[in-house]
C-alpha cells in the first residue's frame, strides 16, 4: 500500500468490477475480478489471500505459445485494505462510483514498499516455482522490465533482435538475458522444481 506507484499503475484496478477473459487449458472463459482466492506465501515471509485480476500476460502468454492458460492473482500487503476493496468490488458498489473518482481513490502513492511475485508453472505432473522480489517496489520493477525489453529491441548487450512484427517479451529467444539484466538491477529471484 505504501509503494511509490505511478499514475498509470492503478488503471488496471479502475474497472476491477468488470469480468475478463482468461485461457484455461486452451479454452477461453470469462472470470470475475477478485474471485478464486488462494493463500500464497511471499519472499518476505508473509502470506496473503490472492485473488484474480486482469493483466495482459494472461493473453500474451497464450498468444505467444508459451502456455495454454494463465491465471494472475494479486493482494495488497494490508489485509484490511484488501478485504475492503474485495467487498466494494464484489458487492457491485465499485462499478457505481464514477471512473474518475475510482482512479483518485486508488492513486495514493507512498514512500516505497517492496514488490513481490510468486510464479508457479505446471507441466503434466511437474511444477516449477519461482519468486521475484524488488525491494525498491513496483515502479522500479516496471522500469527494470522496460530496460530489458529496450535492450532486446535495440540489440544491446548482445541481445537477439526479435523478428519483425508483434513481439512479446516472453517469446524472446534469449530470455535468460532478461533475468540476468533484472538481477543486475537489483531484482532478487529464486527458482525451485525440476532442474533446480
N, C-alpha and C. Protein backbone atom coordinates (compact mmCIF):
# COMPACT_ATOMS: atom_id res chain seq x y z
N UNK A 1 0.82 -1.20 0.00
CA UNK A 1 0.00 0.00 0.00
C UNK A 1 0.86 1.26 0.00
N UNK A 2 2.11 1.17 0.46
CA UNK A 2 2.96 2.35 0.53
C UNK A 2 3.88 2.50 -0.67
N UNK A 3 3.62 1.73 -1.73
CA UNK A 3 4.52 1.77 -2.88
C UNK A 3 4.49 3.12 -3.57
N UNK A 4 5.64 3.49 -4.18
CA UNK A 4 5.75 4.73 -4.96
C UNK A 4 5.22 4.45 -6.36
N UNK A 5 3.95 4.26 -6.50
CA UNK A 5 3.38 3.90 -7.79
C UNK A 5 3.19 5.13 -8.67
N UNK A 6 3.28 4.91 -9.98
CA UNK A 6 2.99 5.97 -10.93
C UNK A 6 1.50 6.05 -11.20
N UNK A 7 1.02 7.14 -11.79
CA UNK A 7 -0.42 7.32 -12.01
C UNK A 7 -1.05 6.21 -12.85
N UNK A 8 -0.29 5.64 -13.80
CA UNK A 8 -0.85 4.58 -14.66
C UNK A 8 -0.96 3.24 -13.93
N UNK A 9 -0.30 3.10 -12.80
CA UNK A 9 -0.28 1.81 -12.11
C UNK A 9 -1.65 1.40 -11.58
N UNK A 10 -2.57 2.33 -11.42
CA UNK A 10 -3.88 2.00 -10.87
C UNK A 10 -4.93 1.75 -11.95
N UNK A 11 -4.59 1.97 -13.22
CA UNK A 11 -5.59 1.86 -14.28
C UNK A 11 -6.22 0.48 -14.34
N UNK A 12 -5.46 -0.56 -14.08
CA UNK A 12 -5.99 -1.91 -14.12
C UNK A 12 -7.01 -2.18 -13.02
N UNK A 13 -7.00 -1.35 -11.98
CA UNK A 13 -7.93 -1.55 -10.87
C UNK A 13 -9.21 -0.73 -11.02
N UNK A 14 -9.18 0.28 -11.89
CA UNK A 14 -10.34 1.16 -12.04
C UNK A 14 -11.57 0.38 -12.48
N UNK A 15 -11.40 -0.55 -13.41
CA UNK A 15 -12.52 -1.34 -13.91
C UNK A 15 -12.53 -2.76 -13.34
N UNK A 16 -12.09 -2.88 -12.12
CA UNK A 16 -12.00 -4.18 -11.47
C UNK A 16 -13.35 -4.88 -11.34
N UNK A 17 -14.43 -4.13 -11.46
CA UNK A 17 -15.77 -4.72 -11.33
C UNK A 17 -16.19 -5.48 -12.59
N UNK A 18 -15.43 -5.34 -13.67
CA UNK A 18 -15.81 -5.98 -14.93
C UNK A 18 -15.17 -7.36 -15.07
N UNK A 19 -15.93 -8.36 -15.55
CA UNK A 19 -15.33 -9.68 -15.80
C UNK A 19 -14.33 -9.59 -16.95
N UNK A 20 -13.46 -10.58 -17.05
CA UNK A 20 -12.46 -10.58 -18.13
C UNK A 20 -12.20 -12.01 -18.58
N UNK A 21 -11.56 -12.12 -19.76
CA UNK A 21 -11.31 -13.43 -20.37
C UNK A 21 -9.95 -13.97 -19.96
N UNK A 22 -9.92 -15.27 -19.71
CA UNK A 22 -8.67 -15.98 -19.48
C UNK A 22 -8.69 -17.24 -20.34
N UNK A 23 -7.56 -17.90 -20.45
CA UNK A 23 -7.48 -19.22 -21.08
C UNK A 23 -7.19 -20.24 -19.99
N UNK A 24 -7.89 -21.32 -20.03
CA UNK A 24 -7.72 -22.40 -19.05
C UNK A 24 -7.62 -23.70 -19.83
N UNK A 25 -6.40 -24.26 -19.92
CA UNK A 25 -6.14 -25.46 -20.71
C UNK A 25 -6.61 -25.27 -22.15
N UNK A 26 -6.30 -24.10 -22.71
CA UNK A 26 -6.61 -23.82 -24.10
C UNK A 26 -8.02 -23.33 -24.37
N UNK A 27 -8.87 -23.32 -23.38
CA UNK A 27 -10.25 -22.88 -23.56
C UNK A 27 -10.44 -21.51 -22.94
N UNK A 28 -10.96 -20.57 -23.73
CA UNK A 28 -11.20 -19.23 -23.21
C UNK A 28 -12.50 -19.21 -22.41
N UNK A 29 -12.46 -18.55 -21.26
CA UNK A 29 -13.67 -18.38 -20.45
C UNK A 29 -13.59 -17.06 -19.69
N UNK A 30 -14.74 -16.60 -19.26
CA UNK A 30 -14.83 -15.35 -18.52
C UNK A 30 -14.76 -15.64 -17.01
N UNK A 31 -14.07 -14.76 -16.28
CA UNK A 31 -13.99 -14.89 -14.83
C UNK A 31 -14.28 -13.53 -14.19
N UNK A 32 -14.66 -13.55 -12.94
CA UNK A 32 -14.92 -12.32 -12.20
C UNK A 32 -13.63 -11.84 -11.54
N UNK A 33 -13.43 -10.54 -11.53
CA UNK A 33 -12.29 -9.97 -10.82
C UNK A 33 -12.41 -10.28 -9.33
N UNK A 34 -11.26 -10.46 -8.70
CA UNK A 34 -11.13 -10.72 -7.27
C UNK A 34 -11.85 -12.00 -6.83
N UNK A 35 -12.02 -12.94 -7.76
CA UNK A 35 -12.60 -14.24 -7.43
C UNK A 35 -11.50 -15.26 -7.20
N UNK A 36 -11.90 -16.47 -6.85
CA UNK A 36 -10.98 -17.61 -6.77
C UNK A 36 -9.78 -17.34 -5.87
N UNK A 37 -10.04 -16.92 -4.64
CA UNK A 37 -8.97 -16.61 -3.70
C UNK A 37 -8.15 -17.83 -3.31
N UNK A 38 -6.85 -17.65 -3.18
CA UNK A 38 -5.92 -18.71 -2.77
C UNK A 38 -4.84 -18.12 -1.87
N UNK A 39 -4.44 -18.87 -0.87
CA UNK A 39 -3.37 -18.41 0.01
C UNK A 39 -2.02 -18.63 -0.67
N UNK A 40 -1.16 -17.63 -0.58
CA UNK A 40 0.19 -17.73 -1.14
C UNK A 40 1.19 -17.20 -0.13
N UNK A 41 2.38 -17.80 -0.14
CA UNK A 41 3.48 -17.39 0.74
C UNK A 41 4.46 -16.58 -0.10
N UNK A 42 4.88 -15.42 0.41
CA UNK A 42 5.72 -14.50 -0.35
C UNK A 42 7.16 -14.47 0.17
N UNK A 43 8.12 -13.98 -0.67
CA UNK A 43 9.53 -13.96 -0.27
C UNK A 43 9.78 -13.23 1.04
N UNK A 44 8.94 -12.28 1.40
CA UNK A 44 9.13 -11.54 2.65
C UNK A 44 8.85 -12.38 3.87
N UNK A 45 8.21 -13.55 3.66
CA UNK A 45 7.81 -14.39 4.78
C UNK A 45 6.34 -14.24 5.11
N UNK A 46 5.69 -13.24 4.52
CA UNK A 46 4.26 -13.03 4.76
C UNK A 46 3.42 -13.92 3.86
N UNK A 47 2.20 -14.19 4.30
CA UNK A 47 1.23 -14.92 3.50
C UNK A 47 0.02 -14.03 3.28
N UNK A 48 -0.67 -14.24 2.17
CA UNK A 48 -1.86 -13.44 1.86
C UNK A 48 -2.78 -14.24 0.96
N UNK A 49 -4.07 -13.92 1.02
CA UNK A 49 -5.02 -14.50 0.08
C UNK A 49 -5.01 -13.64 -1.18
N UNK A 50 -4.61 -14.25 -2.27
CA UNK A 50 -4.53 -13.55 -3.55
C UNK A 50 -5.77 -13.86 -4.37
N UNK A 51 -6.19 -12.89 -5.20
CA UNK A 51 -7.41 -13.04 -5.99
C UNK A 51 -7.18 -12.59 -7.43
N UNK A 52 -7.99 -13.13 -8.33
CA UNK A 52 -7.84 -12.87 -9.76
C UNK A 52 -7.95 -11.39 -10.11
N UNK A 53 -7.12 -10.96 -11.06
CA UNK A 53 -7.32 -9.66 -11.68
C UNK A 53 -6.79 -9.71 -13.11
N UNK A 54 -7.23 -8.77 -13.91
CA UNK A 54 -6.93 -8.79 -15.34
C UNK A 54 -5.57 -8.18 -15.63
N UNK A 55 -4.75 -8.91 -16.37
CA UNK A 55 -3.46 -8.39 -16.84
C UNK A 55 -3.25 -8.89 -18.28
N UNK A 56 -2.49 -8.17 -19.08
CA UNK A 56 -2.23 -8.60 -20.47
C UNK A 56 -1.51 -9.95 -20.54
N UNK A 57 -0.72 -10.29 -19.52
CA UNK A 57 0.05 -11.54 -19.54
C UNK A 57 -0.84 -12.77 -19.71
N UNK A 58 -2.06 -12.69 -19.19
CA UNK A 58 -2.94 -13.86 -19.27
C UNK A 58 -3.33 -14.17 -20.71
N UNK A 59 -3.23 -13.17 -21.58
CA UNK A 59 -3.49 -13.38 -23.01
C UNK A 59 -2.17 -13.59 -23.77
N UNK A 60 -1.16 -12.76 -23.47
CA UNK A 60 0.07 -12.80 -24.27
C UNK A 60 0.84 -14.10 -24.09
N UNK A 61 0.80 -14.69 -22.90
CA UNK A 61 1.48 -15.98 -22.70
C UNK A 61 0.86 -17.06 -23.59
N UNK A 62 -0.45 -16.99 -23.78
CA UNK A 62 -1.14 -17.96 -24.63
C UNK A 62 -0.89 -17.64 -26.11
N UNK A 63 -1.01 -16.35 -26.48
CA UNK A 63 -0.81 -15.95 -27.88
C UNK A 63 0.61 -16.24 -28.36
N UNK A 64 1.58 -16.17 -27.44
CA UNK A 64 2.98 -16.44 -27.80
C UNK A 64 3.28 -17.93 -27.82
N UNK A 65 2.30 -18.75 -27.44
CA UNK A 65 2.50 -20.20 -27.45
C UNK A 65 3.31 -20.71 -26.28
N UNK A 66 3.46 -19.89 -25.23
CA UNK A 66 4.24 -20.28 -24.06
C UNK A 66 3.43 -21.17 -23.13
N UNK A 67 2.12 -20.94 -23.08
CA UNK A 67 1.26 -21.68 -22.16
C UNK A 67 -0.12 -21.85 -22.78
N UNK A 68 -0.87 -22.84 -22.28
CA UNK A 68 -2.25 -22.99 -22.76
C UNK A 68 -3.24 -22.36 -21.78
N UNK A 69 -2.69 -21.68 -20.79
CA UNK A 69 -3.54 -20.97 -19.83
C UNK A 69 -2.67 -20.23 -18.84
N UNK A 70 -3.25 -19.19 -18.25
CA UNK A 70 -2.52 -18.41 -17.25
C UNK A 70 -3.53 -17.77 -16.31
N UNK A 71 -3.17 -17.69 -15.05
CA UNK A 71 -4.01 -17.03 -14.05
C UNK A 71 -3.12 -16.08 -13.25
N UNK A 72 -3.53 -14.83 -13.15
CA UNK A 72 -2.79 -13.85 -12.37
C UNK A 72 -3.67 -13.43 -11.20
N UNK A 73 -3.08 -13.43 -10.01
CA UNK A 73 -3.80 -13.04 -8.81
C UNK A 73 -2.95 -12.02 -8.05
N UNK A 74 -3.59 -11.19 -7.25
CA UNK A 74 -2.88 -10.16 -6.52
C UNK A 74 -3.43 -10.01 -5.12
N UNK A 75 -2.63 -9.36 -4.29
CA UNK A 75 -3.07 -8.98 -2.94
C UNK A 75 -2.31 -7.74 -2.53
N UNK A 76 -2.99 -6.89 -1.77
CA UNK A 76 -2.29 -5.77 -1.13
C UNK A 76 -1.61 -6.29 0.13
N UNK A 77 -0.61 -5.57 0.62
CA UNK A 77 0.06 -6.02 1.84
C UNK A 77 -0.74 -5.69 3.09
N UNK A 78 -1.86 -4.99 2.93
CA UNK A 78 -2.75 -4.70 4.06
C UNK A 78 -4.00 -5.57 3.93
N UNK A 79 -4.19 -6.56 4.80
CA UNK A 79 -5.39 -7.40 4.74
C UNK A 79 -6.68 -6.58 4.88
N UNK A 80 -6.65 -5.51 5.66
CA UNK A 80 -7.83 -4.68 5.85
C UNK A 80 -8.19 -3.97 4.55
N UNK A 81 -7.20 -3.36 3.89
CA UNK A 81 -7.43 -2.68 2.62
C UNK A 81 -7.91 -3.67 1.56
N UNK A 82 -7.31 -4.86 1.55
CA UNK A 82 -7.69 -5.87 0.57
C UNK A 82 -9.14 -6.31 0.79
N UNK A 83 -9.51 -6.57 2.04
CA UNK A 83 -10.88 -7.01 2.35
C UNK A 83 -11.89 -5.93 1.97
N UNK A 84 -11.55 -4.66 2.23
CA UNK A 84 -12.47 -3.57 1.90
C UNK A 84 -12.62 -3.44 0.38
N UNK A 85 -11.52 -3.58 -0.35
CA UNK A 85 -11.58 -3.48 -1.81
C UNK A 85 -12.39 -4.63 -2.40
N UNK A 86 -12.16 -5.84 -1.90
CA UNK A 86 -12.92 -7.00 -2.37
C UNK A 86 -14.41 -6.79 -2.12
N UNK A 87 -14.76 -6.30 -0.95
CA UNK A 87 -16.17 -6.08 -0.61
C UNK A 87 -16.80 -5.04 -1.54
N UNK A 88 -16.07 -3.96 -1.81
CA UNK A 88 -16.59 -2.91 -2.72
C UNK A 88 -16.82 -3.45 -4.13
N UNK A 89 -15.85 -4.21 -4.62
CA UNK A 89 -15.94 -4.72 -5.99
C UNK A 89 -17.01 -5.80 -6.09
N UNK A 90 -16.97 -6.78 -5.19
CA UNK A 90 -17.89 -7.91 -5.30
C UNK A 90 -19.33 -7.52 -5.01
N UNK A 91 -19.56 -6.46 -4.25
CA UNK A 91 -20.93 -6.01 -3.95
C UNK A 91 -21.56 -5.26 -5.12
N UNK A 92 -20.73 -4.81 -6.07
CA UNK A 92 -21.23 -4.03 -7.19
C UNK A 92 -21.13 -2.53 -6.96
N UNK A 93 -20.81 -2.12 -5.74
CA UNK A 93 -20.72 -0.69 -5.43
C UNK A 93 -19.59 -0.01 -6.20
N UNK A 94 -18.48 -0.72 -6.41
CA UNK A 94 -17.33 -0.14 -7.09
C UNK A 94 -17.71 0.35 -8.48
N UNK A 95 -18.52 -0.42 -9.21
CA UNK A 95 -18.92 -0.03 -10.55
C UNK A 95 -19.87 1.15 -10.59
N UNK A 96 -20.48 1.48 -9.48
CA UNK A 96 -21.40 2.62 -9.42
C UNK A 96 -20.68 3.94 -9.18
N UNK A 97 -19.44 3.87 -8.73
CA UNK A 97 -18.65 5.08 -8.48
C UNK A 97 -18.11 5.58 -9.82
N UNK A 98 -18.20 6.88 -10.11
CA UNK A 98 -17.65 7.40 -11.38
C UNK A 98 -16.18 7.03 -11.55
N UNK A 99 -15.78 6.70 -12.78
CA UNK A 99 -14.42 6.21 -13.07
C UNK A 99 -13.34 7.17 -12.57
N UNK A 100 -13.53 8.47 -12.75
CA UNK A 100 -12.52 9.44 -12.31
C UNK A 100 -12.35 9.39 -10.79
N UNK A 101 -13.44 9.21 -10.07
CA UNK A 101 -13.37 9.12 -8.62
C UNK A 101 -12.72 7.80 -8.20
N UNK A 102 -13.03 6.72 -8.92
CA UNK A 102 -12.38 5.42 -8.61
C UNK A 102 -10.88 5.56 -8.75
N UNK A 103 -10.42 6.23 -9.81
CA UNK A 103 -8.99 6.39 -10.03
C UNK A 103 -8.36 7.24 -8.93
N UNK A 104 -9.03 8.31 -8.54
CA UNK A 104 -8.45 9.17 -7.50
C UNK A 104 -8.43 8.46 -6.14
N UNK A 105 -9.39 7.59 -5.89
CA UNK A 105 -9.40 6.82 -4.64
C UNK A 105 -8.23 5.83 -4.59
N UNK A 106 -7.88 5.29 -5.75
CA UNK A 106 -6.83 4.28 -5.81
C UNK A 106 -5.43 4.87 -5.79
N UNK A 107 -5.26 6.05 -6.40
CA UNK A 107 -3.92 6.59 -6.54
C UNK A 107 -3.52 7.40 -5.31
N UNK A 108 -2.73 6.77 -4.48
CA UNK A 108 -2.26 7.40 -3.25
C UNK A 108 -0.85 6.89 -2.96
N UNK A 109 0.14 7.30 -3.78
CA UNK A 109 1.49 6.73 -3.63
C UNK A 109 2.12 7.07 -2.30
N UNK A 110 2.92 6.14 -1.82
CA UNK A 110 3.59 6.32 -0.54
C UNK A 110 5.08 6.53 -0.71
N UNK A 111 5.84 6.25 0.33
CA UNK A 111 7.29 6.45 0.32
C UNK A 111 8.05 5.26 -0.25
N UNK A 112 7.36 4.16 -0.47
CA UNK A 112 8.02 2.98 -1.06
C UNK A 112 7.74 1.72 -0.28
N UNK A 113 7.62 0.61 -0.99
CA UNK A 113 7.41 -0.70 -0.38
C UNK A 113 7.85 -1.76 -1.38
N UNK A 114 8.23 -2.90 -0.88
CA UNK A 114 8.70 -3.99 -1.75
C UNK A 114 7.58 -4.50 -2.64
N UNK A 115 7.96 -5.01 -3.81
CA UNK A 115 7.03 -5.62 -4.75
C UNK A 115 7.44 -7.08 -4.90
N UNK A 116 6.49 -8.00 -4.75
CA UNK A 116 6.83 -9.42 -4.73
C UNK A 116 5.92 -10.21 -5.67
N UNK A 117 6.52 -11.12 -6.43
CA UNK A 117 5.79 -12.01 -7.33
C UNK A 117 6.11 -13.45 -6.97
N UNK A 118 5.09 -14.30 -7.01
CA UNK A 118 5.26 -15.74 -6.85
C UNK A 118 4.73 -16.37 -8.13
N UNK A 119 5.54 -17.19 -8.78
CA UNK A 119 5.17 -17.78 -10.06
C UNK A 119 5.19 -19.29 -9.94
N UNK A 120 4.13 -19.93 -10.42
CA UNK A 120 4.07 -21.39 -10.48
C UNK A 120 3.76 -21.79 -11.91
N UNK A 121 4.60 -22.62 -12.50
CA UNK A 121 4.37 -23.15 -13.85
C UNK A 121 4.14 -24.65 -13.72
N UNK A 122 3.09 -25.13 -14.36
CA UNK A 122 2.75 -26.55 -14.27
C UNK A 122 2.81 -27.18 -15.64
N UNK A 123 3.46 -28.34 -15.72
CA UNK A 123 3.54 -29.11 -16.95
C UNK A 123 3.38 -30.58 -16.58
N UNK A 124 2.31 -31.18 -17.07
CA UNK A 124 1.96 -32.56 -16.71
C UNK A 124 1.87 -32.66 -15.18
N UNK A 125 2.71 -33.50 -14.58
CA UNK A 125 2.63 -33.65 -13.13
C UNK A 125 3.79 -32.94 -12.41
N UNK A 126 4.48 -32.06 -13.14
CA UNK A 126 5.62 -31.35 -12.55
C UNK A 126 5.28 -29.88 -12.35
N UNK A 127 5.85 -29.29 -11.31
CA UNK A 127 5.65 -27.87 -11.03
C UNK A 127 6.99 -27.19 -10.86
N UNK A 128 7.09 -25.98 -11.39
CA UNK A 128 8.27 -25.14 -11.21
C UNK A 128 7.81 -23.90 -10.47
N UNK A 129 8.54 -23.54 -9.42
CA UNK A 129 8.17 -22.38 -8.62
C UNK A 129 9.30 -21.36 -8.69
N UNK A 130 8.93 -20.10 -8.80
CA UNK A 130 9.91 -19.02 -8.83
C UNK A 130 9.35 -17.82 -8.09
N UNK A 131 10.25 -17.01 -7.56
CA UNK A 131 9.84 -15.77 -6.91
C UNK A 131 10.67 -14.62 -7.47
N UNK A 132 10.07 -13.44 -7.46
CA UNK A 132 10.77 -12.21 -7.80
C UNK A 132 10.47 -11.22 -6.68
N UNK A 133 11.50 -10.54 -6.21
CA UNK A 133 11.34 -9.63 -5.07
C UNK A 133 12.15 -8.38 -5.38
N UNK A 134 11.46 -7.27 -5.53
CA UNK A 134 12.14 -6.00 -5.76
C UNK A 134 11.91 -5.12 -4.53
N UNK A 135 12.96 -4.95 -3.76
CA UNK A 135 12.85 -4.17 -2.52
C UNK A 135 12.57 -2.69 -2.80
N UNK A 136 12.84 -2.25 -4.03
CA UNK A 136 12.59 -0.84 -4.39
C UNK A 136 11.16 -0.61 -4.90
N UNK A 137 10.37 -1.67 -5.03
CA UNK A 137 8.97 -1.51 -5.34
C UNK A 137 8.57 -1.78 -6.78
N UNK A 138 7.24 -1.69 -6.99
CA UNK A 138 6.64 -1.98 -8.29
C UNK A 138 7.13 -1.03 -9.37
N UNK A 139 7.30 0.24 -9.04
CA UNK A 139 7.75 1.21 -10.02
C UNK A 139 9.14 0.85 -10.54
N UNK A 140 10.04 0.46 -9.64
CA UNK A 140 11.39 0.07 -10.05
C UNK A 140 11.36 -1.20 -10.87
N UNK A 141 10.54 -2.19 -10.46
CA UNK A 141 10.48 -3.44 -11.22
C UNK A 141 9.93 -3.19 -12.62
N UNK A 142 8.95 -2.33 -12.74
CA UNK A 142 8.40 -1.99 -14.05
C UNK A 142 9.46 -1.32 -14.92
N UNK A 143 10.20 -0.38 -14.34
CA UNK A 143 11.26 0.30 -15.09
C UNK A 143 12.36 -0.67 -15.49
N UNK A 144 12.73 -1.59 -14.59
CA UNK A 144 13.75 -2.59 -14.90
C UNK A 144 13.29 -3.48 -16.05
N UNK A 145 12.01 -3.86 -16.04
CA UNK A 145 11.47 -4.66 -17.13
C UNK A 145 11.51 -3.91 -18.45
N UNK A 146 11.22 -2.61 -18.41
CA UNK A 146 11.27 -1.79 -19.63
C UNK A 146 12.70 -1.72 -20.17
N UNK A 147 13.68 -1.64 -19.28
CA UNK A 147 15.08 -1.60 -19.71
C UNK A 147 15.44 -2.90 -20.43
N UNK A 148 15.04 -4.05 -19.86
CA UNK A 148 15.39 -5.33 -20.51
C UNK A 148 14.77 -5.43 -21.89
N UNK A 149 13.55 -4.92 -22.05
CA UNK A 149 12.90 -5.01 -23.36
C UNK A 149 13.50 -4.01 -24.35
N UNK A 150 13.95 -2.86 -23.86
CA UNK A 150 14.65 -1.91 -24.73
C UNK A 150 15.95 -2.52 -25.22
N UNK A 151 16.68 -3.20 -24.32
CA UNK A 151 17.91 -3.89 -24.71
C UNK A 151 17.62 -4.92 -25.81
N UNK A 152 16.53 -5.65 -25.64
CA UNK A 152 16.17 -6.69 -26.62
C UNK A 152 15.81 -6.07 -27.97
N UNK A 153 14.95 -5.06 -27.95
CA UNK A 153 14.50 -4.45 -29.20
C UNK A 153 15.64 -3.76 -29.96
N UNK A 154 16.59 -3.19 -29.21
CA UNK A 154 17.70 -2.47 -29.83
C UNK A 154 18.93 -3.34 -30.06
N UNK A 155 18.88 -4.59 -29.60
CA UNK A 155 20.01 -5.50 -29.77
C UNK A 155 21.21 -5.11 -28.94
N UNK A 156 20.99 -4.45 -27.80
CA UNK A 156 22.09 -4.04 -26.94
C UNK A 156 22.60 -5.22 -26.11
N UNK A 157 23.85 -5.11 -25.70
CA UNK A 157 24.48 -6.11 -24.83
C UNK A 157 24.38 -7.52 -25.41
N UNK A 158 24.47 -7.61 -26.75
CA UNK A 158 24.47 -8.92 -27.41
C UNK A 158 23.11 -9.58 -27.49
N UNK A 159 22.04 -8.83 -27.23
CA UNK A 159 20.68 -9.41 -27.28
C UNK A 159 20.29 -9.80 -28.69
N UNK A 160 19.45 -10.82 -28.80
CA UNK A 160 18.95 -11.29 -30.09
C UNK A 160 17.75 -10.43 -30.48
N UNK A 161 17.82 -9.80 -31.67
CA UNK A 161 16.71 -8.98 -32.15
C UNK A 161 15.47 -9.85 -32.36
N UNK A 162 14.30 -9.36 -31.98
CA UNK A 162 13.07 -10.11 -32.29
C UNK A 162 12.76 -10.00 -33.78
N UNK A 163 12.00 -10.95 -34.32
CA UNK A 163 11.61 -10.83 -35.73
C UNK A 163 10.67 -9.65 -35.92
N UNK A 164 10.51 -9.22 -37.15
CA UNK A 164 9.61 -8.10 -37.45
C UNK A 164 8.18 -8.47 -37.06
N UNK A 165 7.42 -7.49 -36.65
CA UNK A 165 6.02 -7.72 -36.27
C UNK A 165 5.84 -7.61 -34.77
N UNK A 166 4.68 -8.06 -34.31
CA UNK A 166 4.36 -8.01 -32.88
C UNK A 166 5.24 -8.99 -32.14
N UNK A 167 5.80 -8.55 -31.05
CA UNK A 167 6.72 -9.38 -30.28
C UNK A 167 6.40 -9.27 -28.80
N UNK A 168 6.27 -10.40 -28.14
CA UNK A 168 6.01 -10.43 -26.71
C UNK A 168 7.31 -10.70 -25.96
N UNK A 169 7.53 -10.05 -24.83
CA UNK A 169 8.77 -10.28 -24.09
C UNK A 169 8.99 -11.75 -23.76
N UNK A 170 7.90 -12.46 -23.45
CA UNK A 170 8.04 -13.86 -23.05
C UNK A 170 8.44 -14.79 -24.20
N UNK A 171 8.40 -14.28 -25.45
CA UNK A 171 8.81 -15.12 -26.57
C UNK A 171 10.25 -14.82 -27.01
N UNK A 172 10.99 -14.08 -26.19
CA UNK A 172 12.38 -13.75 -26.54
C UNK A 172 13.21 -15.01 -26.71
N UNK A 173 14.10 -15.00 -27.73
CA UNK A 173 14.96 -16.14 -27.98
C UNK A 173 16.03 -16.29 -26.91
N UNK A 174 16.30 -15.22 -26.19
CA UNK A 174 17.35 -15.23 -25.16
C UNK A 174 16.79 -14.74 -23.82
N UNK A 175 15.69 -15.34 -23.40
CA UNK A 175 15.00 -14.87 -22.19
C UNK A 175 15.88 -14.91 -20.94
N UNK A 176 16.90 -15.76 -20.93
CA UNK A 176 17.81 -15.81 -19.80
C UNK A 176 18.52 -14.47 -19.62
N UNK A 177 18.76 -13.77 -20.73
CA UNK A 177 19.38 -12.44 -20.65
C UNK A 177 18.50 -11.47 -19.88
N UNK A 178 17.17 -11.64 -20.00
CA UNK A 178 16.26 -10.79 -19.23
C UNK A 178 16.47 -10.97 -17.74
N UNK A 179 16.55 -12.22 -17.30
CA UNK A 179 16.71 -12.47 -15.86
C UNK A 179 18.06 -11.96 -15.36
N UNK A 180 19.11 -12.11 -16.17
CA UNK A 180 20.42 -11.60 -15.75
C UNK A 180 20.39 -10.09 -15.62
N UNK A 181 19.75 -9.42 -16.57
CA UNK A 181 19.67 -7.96 -16.54
C UNK A 181 18.86 -7.50 -15.34
N UNK A 182 17.73 -8.16 -15.08
CA UNK A 182 16.91 -7.80 -13.92
C UNK A 182 17.68 -7.96 -12.62
N UNK A 183 18.44 -9.05 -12.51
CA UNK A 183 19.25 -9.28 -11.30
C UNK A 183 20.30 -8.19 -11.12
N UNK A 184 20.91 -7.75 -12.23
CA UNK A 184 21.90 -6.67 -12.16
C UNK A 184 21.28 -5.38 -11.65
N UNK A 185 19.97 -5.21 -11.90
CA UNK A 185 19.28 -4.00 -11.47
C UNK A 185 18.65 -4.17 -10.08
N UNK A 186 18.97 -5.28 -9.40
CA UNK A 186 18.54 -5.42 -8.01
C UNK A 186 17.30 -6.25 -7.76
N UNK A 187 16.73 -6.84 -8.81
CA UNK A 187 15.56 -7.72 -8.63
C UNK A 187 16.05 -9.08 -8.18
N UNK A 188 15.60 -9.53 -7.03
CA UNK A 188 16.02 -10.82 -6.49
C UNK A 188 15.11 -11.92 -7.04
N UNK A 189 15.71 -13.06 -7.42
CA UNK A 189 14.93 -14.16 -7.98
C UNK A 189 15.39 -15.49 -7.39
N UNK A 190 14.42 -16.37 -7.18
CA UNK A 190 14.74 -17.73 -6.77
C UNK A 190 13.93 -18.68 -7.65
N UNK A 191 14.39 -19.92 -7.74
CA UNK A 191 13.68 -20.94 -8.53
C UNK A 191 13.82 -22.29 -7.87
N UNK A 192 12.75 -23.07 -7.89
CA UNK A 192 12.82 -24.43 -7.37
C UNK A 192 11.93 -25.32 -8.22
N UNK A 193 12.25 -26.60 -8.22
CA UNK A 193 11.48 -27.53 -9.02
C UNK A 193 12.41 -28.28 -9.93
N UNK A 194 11.89 -28.94 -10.98
CA UNK A 194 12.73 -29.72 -11.89
C UNK A 194 13.86 -28.88 -12.46
N UNK A 195 15.05 -29.39 -12.41
CA UNK A 195 16.23 -28.68 -12.93
C UNK A 195 16.80 -27.65 -11.99
N UNK A 196 16.30 -27.61 -10.72
CA UNK A 196 16.84 -26.68 -9.74
C UNK A 196 16.19 -25.37 -9.80
